[in-house]
Each structure stands twice: as C-alpha cells, then as structure tokens.
Amino acid sequence: MRSVLVTGATGGIGRSLVEAFAREGDNVAVHFHNQEDAANEMVQSLGEQYPGQRFVAVGGDVSDEGA
C-alpha cells in the first residue's frame, strides 16, 4: 500500500486522481488551497467507501515557498 499526496485534489483532474489511487488501495492526502469543506467531505466519503485505507485533508498554498 502506497501513501500519496494529490495537490489540487478538490478539482476535476485532482479528484479523479484521488479516486483512482483510492481504488488501487492507496492511502491519500487530499490537498486543498481554498476548498477545505470540499476536501473534508471527500475524505469522509472515501473513508466510508474504503475503510481499510487512510485519507486526510491537507491545506496550504504550494505555490508559496514561505507558506
């Protein structure tokens, strides 16, 4: 089982990647910049669908080196 971080996970491509990694059995860190509620909802939903895996929402601005 891998652990992966998907940046921009609340958007279209990012969300699709999160779902693909989850289907493969991976633990996923769901990154968000402004959409904390959407990320938390995704983490909760994935946790219910894949109870043996870990999902966590992680916020931050990855374009800002000082953040």
Protein backbone atom coordinates (compact mmCIF):
# COMPACT_ATOMS: atom_id res chain seq x y z
CA MET A 1 0.00 0.00 0.00
CA ARG A 2 1.40 3.36 -1.03
CA SER A 3 0.79 6.76 0.53
CA VAL A 4 0.33 9.58 -1.95
CA LEU A 5 -0.29 13.33 -1.88
CA VAL A 6 -2.53 14.75 -4.59
CA THR A 7 -2.27 18.53 -4.93
CA GLY A 8 -5.34 20.38 -6.13
CA ALA A 9 -7.37 17.36 -5.12
CA THR A 10 -10.72 19.15 -4.97
CA GLY A 11 -10.69 19.98 -8.69
CA GLY A 12 -11.53 17.81 -11.69
CA ILE A 13 -8.22 16.13 -12.51
CA GLY A 14 -7.10 16.07 -8.88
CA ARG A 15 -10.35 14.50 -7.72
CA SER A 16 -10.08 11.84 -10.44
CA LEU A 17 -6.53 11.04 -9.32
CA VAL A 18 -7.61 10.74 -5.68
CA GLU A 19 -10.37 8.34 -6.66
CA ALA A 20 -8.00 6.28 -8.84
CA PHE A 21 -5.41 5.97 -6.06
CA ALA A 22 -8.16 5.01 -3.59
CA ARG A 23 -9.41 2.27 -5.93
CA GLU A 24 -5.84 0.92 -6.11
CA GLY A 25 -5.73 0.61 -2.32
CA ASP A 26 -3.52 3.60 -1.57
CA ASN A 27 -3.66 5.98 1.38
CA VAL A 28 -4.25 9.52 0.09
CA ALA A 29 -3.51 13.01 1.39
CA VAL A 30 -6.12 15.27 -0.22
CA HIS A 31 -4.57 18.71 -0.73
CA PHE A 32 -6.69 21.87 -0.89
CA HIS A 33 -5.91 25.57 -1.07
CA ASN A 34 -9.28 27.28 -0.59
CA GLN A 35 -11.85 24.48 -0.59
CA GLU A 36 -11.46 22.97 2.88
CA ASP A 37 -15.10 21.88 3.14
CA ALA A 38 -14.93 20.04 -0.19
CA ALA A 39 -11.70 18.30 0.85
CA ASN A 40 -13.14 17.24 4.20
CA GLU A 41 -16.28 15.89 2.53
CA MET A 42 -14.13 13.93 0.07
CA VAL A 43 -12.03 12.47 2.90
CA GLN A 44 -15.14 11.42 4.82
CA SER A 45 -16.75 9.85 1.75
CA LEU A 46 -13.58 7.96 0.79
CA GLY A 47 -13.15 6.72 4.35
CA GLU A 48 -16.63 5.24 4.22
CA GLN A 49 -16.04 3.62 0.82
CA TYR A 50 -12.57 2.29 1.65
CA PRO A 51 -12.49 1.62 5.41
CA GLY A 52 -9.09 -0.12 5.38
CA GLN A 53 -7.30 2.93 3.99
CA ARG A 54 -6.34 6.33 5.38
CA PHE A 55 -7.41 9.66 3.92
CA VAL A 56 -6.52 13.09 5.25
CA ALA A 57 -7.21 16.66 4.09
CA VAL A 58 -4.12 18.88 3.95
CA GLY A 59 -4.38 22.61 3.33
CA GLY A 60 -1.77 25.01 2.05
CA ASP A 61 -0.53 27.17 -0.77
CA VAL A 62 2.03 25.05 -2.62
CA SER A 63 2.99 27.99 -4.83
CA ASP A 64 4.25 29.99 -1.81
CA GLU A 65 7.64 28.79 -0.54
CA GLY A 66 7.08 30.57 2.77
CA ALA A 67 3.69 29.04 3.50
